[in-house]
């Protein structure tokens, strides 16, 4: 279900956020914890995404599993720090194939471990958002929402 439909149904919603593990060995325990939370039937669950796609596969797998196993709408984060246009294109295709309809595109901050320039294709949040939305429009209809977060950061949620 598209997130804007969920948010439009009620004045008060309950959501949870899942952080995929950095180590593959921890994936199963995080998955089981996320599934236990999903059994509470929140309105939706958000699944974060590591810099440079470091947890991208886990993000997609968790979001897909939460939706398919528990019927809870998910929104998958897509952090563009350290990403190339090609890697974003691939991640969006993987998300669509997994049935993920809601994507939150974020520029992201440079992680301490990243020594190279992390913003080669996306110097500004708006550039990554534009790419995500163009891709979403090509895949299906897209609706975008902009929300202010702390300070001067902005995020845009795209529903595919």
Protein backbone atom coordinates (compact mmCIF):
# COMPACT_ATOMS: atom_id res chain seq x y z
CA UNK A 1 0.00 0.00 0.00
CA UNK A 2 1.23 3.46 -0.77
CA UNK A 3 2.23 5.40 2.33
CA UNK A 4 0.15 8.44 1.41
CA UNK A 5 -2.93 6.16 1.56
CA UNK A 6 -1.95 4.97 5.03
CA UNK A 7 -1.34 8.49 6.28
CA UNK A 8 -4.55 9.75 4.71
CA UNK A 9 -6.71 7.21 6.54
CA UNK A 10 -6.06 8.35 10.09
CA UNK A 11 -5.10 11.40 12.08
CA UNK A 12 -2.85 9.38 14.37
CA UNK A 13 -0.50 6.70 13.05
CA UNK A 14 1.96 4.34 14.68
CA UNK A 15 5.21 3.45 12.96
CA UNK A 16 8.49 1.77 13.81
CA UNK A 17 11.94 2.09 12.26
CA UNK A 18 14.25 -0.85 11.63
CA UNK A 19 18.02 -0.50 11.29
CA UNK A 20 19.52 -3.33 9.21
CA UNK A 21 22.65 -4.79 10.79
CA UNK A 22 26.09 -3.87 9.52
CA UNK A 23 27.27 -7.47 9.92
CA UNK A 24 25.58 -10.18 7.87
CA UNK A 25 25.89 -12.51 10.85
CA UNK A 26 23.39 -10.34 12.75
CA UNK A 27 20.76 -10.27 9.99
CA UNK A 28 18.61 -13.16 11.25
CA UNK A 29 18.25 -11.73 14.77
CA UNK A 30 17.32 -8.29 13.42
CA UNK A 31 14.83 -9.88 11.02
CA UNK A 32 13.17 -11.84 13.82
CA UNK A 33 12.97 -8.72 16.01
CA UNK A 34 11.46 -6.72 13.13
CA UNK A 35 8.91 -9.46 12.48
CA UNK A 36 7.91 -9.49 16.17
CA UNK A 37 7.33 -5.73 15.96
CA UNK A 38 5.36 -6.18 12.71
CA UNK A 39 3.02 -8.55 14.57
CA UNK A 40 1.89 -5.50 16.56
CA UNK A 41 0.34 -4.26 13.27
CA UNK A 42 1.75 -0.73 13.14
CA UNK A 43 0.45 1.51 10.36
CA UNK A 44 3.82 1.26 8.62
CA UNK A 45 7.48 0.45 9.23
CA UNK A 46 10.50 2.36 7.98
CA UNK A 47 13.70 0.48 7.07
CA UNK A 48 16.96 2.46 6.94
CA UNK A 49 19.74 2.13 4.35
CA UNK A 50 23.50 2.27 4.97
CA UNK A 51 25.87 4.73 3.31
CA UNK A 52 27.11 3.63 -0.07
CA UNK A 53 24.56 0.83 -0.08
CA UNK A 54 26.35 -0.93 2.77
CA UNK A 55 23.08 -2.40 4.08
CA UNK A 56 21.02 -2.05 0.90
CA UNK A 57 20.38 -5.75 0.39
CA UNK A 58 19.24 -6.12 3.99
CA UNK A 59 17.03 -3.04 3.69
CA UNK A 60 15.24 -4.50 0.70
CA UNK A 61 14.95 -7.99 2.20
CA UNK A 62 13.60 -6.69 5.51
CA UNK A 63 11.09 -4.32 3.88
CA UNK A 64 9.91 -7.04 1.52
CA UNK A 65 9.57 -9.62 4.31
CA UNK A 66 7.68 -7.27 6.62
CA UNK A 67 5.18 -6.56 3.84
CA UNK A 68 4.78 -10.12 2.57
CA UNK A 69 4.87 -11.98 5.89
CA UNK A 70 2.89 -9.50 8.00
CA UNK A 71 1.01 -7.21 5.62
CA UNK A 72 2.55 -4.07 7.09
CA UNK A 73 3.28 -1.21 4.68
CA UNK A 74 6.98 -0.31 4.55
CA UNK A 75 9.01 2.64 3.39
CA UNK A 76 12.59 1.83 2.44
CA UNK A 77 15.24 4.48 2.86
CA UNK A 78 17.67 5.06 0.01
CA UNK A 79 20.78 6.91 1.14
CA UNK A 80 22.63 8.45 -1.77
CA UNK A 81 25.94 9.17 -0.02
CA UNK A 82 28.65 7.20 -1.79
CA UNK A 83 26.20 6.08 -4.45
CA UNK A 84 26.46 6.32 -8.20
CA UNK A 85 23.56 6.88 -10.56
CA UNK A 86 23.92 3.27 -11.63
CA UNK A 87 23.81 1.91 -8.07
CA UNK A 88 20.72 4.01 -7.30
CA UNK A 89 19.08 2.78 -10.51
CA UNK A 90 19.83 -0.81 -9.52
CA UNK A 91 18.58 -0.34 -5.95
CA UNK A 92 15.32 1.18 -7.19
CA UNK A 93 14.84 -1.70 -9.62
CA UNK A 94 15.47 -4.20 -6.80
CA UNK A 95 12.99 -2.35 -4.59
CA UNK A 96 10.33 -2.39 -7.28
CA UNK A 97 10.91 -6.11 -7.93
CA UNK A 98 10.52 -6.74 -4.18
CA UNK A 99 7.15 -4.96 -4.18
CA UNK A 100 8.37 -1.94 -2.24
CA UNK A 101 6.14 1.00 -3.20
CA UNK A 102 7.51 3.65 -0.85
CA UNK A 103 11.04 5.02 -0.96
CA UNK A 104 12.59 7.78 1.12
CA UNK A 105 15.52 9.30 -0.79
CA UNK A 106 18.11 10.95 1.44
CA UNK A 107 21.47 12.46 0.57
CA UNK A 108 22.96 11.23 3.83
CA UNK A 109 26.07 12.25 5.71
CA UNK A 110 29.61 11.08 5.07
CA UNK A 111 30.35 8.13 7.34
CA UNK A 112 33.60 8.25 9.31
CA UNK A 113 34.93 5.15 7.54
CA UNK A 114 34.51 6.62 4.03
CA UNK A 115 37.80 8.20 2.97
CA UNK A 116 37.00 8.93 -0.70
CA UNK A 117 34.72 11.74 -1.85
CA UNK A 118 31.22 10.41 -1.09
CA UNK A 119 29.28 12.82 -3.28
CA UNK A 120 30.49 12.17 -6.81
CA UNK A 121 27.11 11.82 -8.54
CA UNK A 122 24.98 13.52 -5.90
CA UNK A 123 26.42 16.71 -4.45
CA UNK A 124 23.03 17.96 -3.25
CA UNK A 125 19.99 16.18 -1.86
CA UNK A 126 17.86 17.60 -4.65
CA UNK A 127 19.99 15.83 -7.29
CA UNK A 128 19.43 12.42 -5.70
CA UNK A 129 15.74 13.15 -5.21
CA UNK A 130 15.33 14.19 -8.83
CA UNK A 131 16.98 10.97 -10.01
CA UNK A 132 14.78 8.85 -7.74
CA UNK A 133 11.62 10.60 -8.86
CA UNK A 134 12.52 10.38 -12.57
CA UNK A 135 13.13 6.66 -12.08
CA UNK A 136 9.84 6.36 -10.19
CA UNK A 137 7.93 8.14 -12.93
CA UNK A 138 9.37 5.72 -15.49
CA UNK A 139 8.43 2.75 -13.31
CA UNK A 140 4.89 3.92 -12.45
CA UNK A 141 3.08 6.97 -11.21
CA UNK A 142 4.98 8.72 -8.47
CA UNK A 143 3.77 11.00 -5.71
CA UNK A 144 6.31 12.83 -3.60
CA UNK A 145 6.16 14.36 -0.17
CA UNK A 146 8.71 16.75 1.32
CA UNK A 147 9.23 16.94 5.05
CA UNK A 148 11.61 19.07 7.07
CA UNK A 149 13.93 17.30 9.45
CA UNK A 150 16.32 18.88 11.91
CA UNK A 151 18.31 21.89 10.80
CA UNK A 152 18.49 22.47 7.07
CA UNK A 153 18.04 18.86 6.01
CA UNK A 154 15.07 17.88 3.88
CA UNK A 155 13.76 14.54 2.82
CA UNK A 156 11.48 13.50 0.02
CA UNK A 157 9.40 10.35 0.06
CA UNK A 158 8.52 8.92 -3.31
CA UNK A 159 5.68 6.46 -3.70
CA UNK A 160 6.10 4.26 -6.75
